[in-house]
Amino acid sequence: MSSSDHVRSILQGSEAIVDLTGVPLTLEMVRVVTRHLEERPKTMTLTLDSCFIGPDGAYELTLALSKTDVINLDLSRNLIGVRGMRELGTVLPNTKVKCLNLWGNLLGDG
């Protein structure tokens, strides 16, 4: 099963929880996830731990988050960097996110 098929099969599961832990996501696959979030806005938990979405993937998420019911957002170990954090910071006040995990993104100087 290809990575994109694996992601699509996970997205067909629970509407309330999307857990893609450890699945490396290309930018196009992040866009698939964001489209899913927009089409199924009742997703409350989105776990993208160790998906390596980078700052561009974080930006793509910002385009969808304010249109969803995501409360728990786990972006651990995604290499989003300072740029990705800034993108998230601009949209988070306009979302329902209450719990945000950014562990392991190396946002500071060391």
Protein backbone atom coordinates (compact mmCIF):
# COMPACT_ATOMS: atom_id res chain seq x y z
CA MET A 1 0.00 0.00 0.00
CA SER A 2 1.42 3.39 -0.98
CA SER A 3 1.77 6.20 1.55
CA SER A 4 -1.07 8.14 -0.08
CA ASP A 5 -3.34 5.07 -0.02
CA HIS A 6 -2.47 4.56 3.66
CA VAL A 7 -3.40 8.17 4.46
CA ARG A 8 -6.68 7.91 2.56
CA SER A 9 -7.60 4.69 4.39
CA ILE A 10 -6.96 6.35 7.76
CA LEU A 11 -9.09 9.33 6.74
CA GLN A 12 -11.99 6.99 5.98
CA GLY A 13 -12.06 5.89 9.64
CA SER A 14 -13.32 7.78 12.66
CA GLU A 15 -14.77 11.19 11.98
CA ALA A 16 -13.79 12.56 15.40
CA ILE A 17 -10.14 11.41 15.45
CA VAL A 18 -7.51 11.51 12.72
CA ASP A 19 -4.21 9.93 13.79
CA LEU A 20 -1.45 9.86 11.19
CA THR A 21 1.42 9.36 13.66
CA GLY A 22 4.62 8.40 11.90
CA VAL A 23 3.26 8.64 8.36
CA PRO A 24 5.59 10.94 6.38
CA LEU A 25 3.35 13.45 4.60
CA THR A 26 4.30 15.23 1.41
CA LEU A 27 2.86 18.68 0.87
CA GLU A 28 0.25 17.16 -1.44
CA MET A 29 -0.77 14.68 1.26
CA VAL A 30 -1.09 17.52 3.79
CA ARG A 31 -3.48 19.11 1.30
CA VAL A 32 -5.48 15.86 1.21
CA VAL A 33 -5.70 15.98 5.01
CA THR A 34 -6.80 19.63 5.01
CA ARG A 35 -9.48 18.94 2.39
CA HIS A 36 -10.69 16.08 4.59
CA LEU A 37 -10.87 18.43 7.57
CA GLU A 38 -12.88 20.94 5.57
CA GLU A 39 -15.27 18.25 4.30
CA ARG A 40 -15.64 16.63 7.74
CA PRO A 41 -15.39 19.59 10.11
CA LYS A 42 -16.40 17.54 13.16
CA THR A 43 -12.87 16.11 13.52
CA MET A 44 -11.88 17.01 17.08
CA THR A 45 -8.43 15.44 17.37
CA LEU A 46 -5.76 15.71 14.70
CA THR A 47 -2.49 13.91 15.41
CA LEU A 48 0.34 14.48 12.95
CA ASP A 49 3.19 13.41 15.25
CA SER A 50 6.39 12.68 13.28
CA CYS A 51 4.84 13.36 9.87
CA PHE A 52 7.59 15.86 8.93
CA ILE A 53 5.21 18.36 7.36
CA GLY A 54 7.66 21.26 7.64
CA PRO A 55 6.73 24.94 7.56
CA ASP A 56 4.88 24.60 4.24
CA GLY A 57 2.68 21.85 5.67
CA ALA A 58 2.00 23.99 8.75
CA TYR A 59 0.89 26.79 6.45
CA GLU A 60 -1.48 24.44 4.61
CA LEU A 61 -3.02 23.46 7.95
CA THR A 62 -3.63 27.10 8.83
CA LEU A 63 -5.82 27.42 5.75
CA ALA A 64 -8.24 24.80 7.10
CA LEU A 65 -8.07 24.96 10.91
CA SER A 66 -10.45 27.87 11.40
CA LYS A 67 -13.12 25.95 9.44
CA THR A 68 -12.98 22.90 11.73
CA ASP A 69 -13.85 21.72 15.24
CA VAL A 70 -10.29 20.53 15.98
CA ILE A 71 -9.68 20.91 19.72
CA ASN A 72 -6.56 18.73 20.09
CA LEU A 73 -3.74 19.32 17.63
CA ASP A 74 -0.51 17.34 17.86
CA LEU A 75 2.25 18.58 15.57
CA SER A 76 5.14 16.98 17.47
CA ARG A 77 8.38 16.40 15.56
CA ASN A 78 7.31 17.99 12.30
CA LEU A 79 10.22 20.34 11.61
CA ILE A 80 7.85 23.28 11.29
CA GLY A 81 10.46 25.74 12.54
CA VAL A 82 9.91 29.36 13.39
CA ARG A 83 8.18 30.15 10.08
CA GLY A 84 5.62 27.37 10.56
CA MET A 85 5.05 28.48 14.14
CA ARG A 86 4.40 32.03 12.99
CA GLU A 87 1.87 30.74 10.45
CA LEU A 88 0.09 28.76 13.18
CA GLY A 89 0.27 31.67 15.60
CA THR A 90 -1.66 33.91 13.24
CA VAL A 91 -4.60 31.52 12.91
CA LEU A 92 -4.81 29.75 16.29
CA PRO A 93 -6.78 32.54 18.01
CA ASN A 94 -9.48 32.02 15.37
CA THR A 95 -9.76 28.26 15.90
CA LYS A 96 -11.23 25.95 18.52
CA VAL A 97 -7.80 24.46 19.37
CA LYS A 98 -7.38 24.16 23.14
CA CYS A 99 -4.50 21.67 23.31
CA LEU A 100 -1.48 22.12 21.04
CA ASN A 101 1.60 19.87 21.12
CA LEU A 102 4.70 21.25 19.38
CA TRP A 103 7.28 19.10 21.15
CA GLY A 104 10.43 18.39 19.17
CA ASN A 105 10.06 21.08 16.51
CA LEU A 106 13.26 22.90 17.46
CA LEU A 107 11.67 26.32 17.52
CA GLY A 108 14.40 28.12 19.46
CA ASP A 109 18.14 28.66 19.34
CA GLY A 110 19.14 25.41 20.89
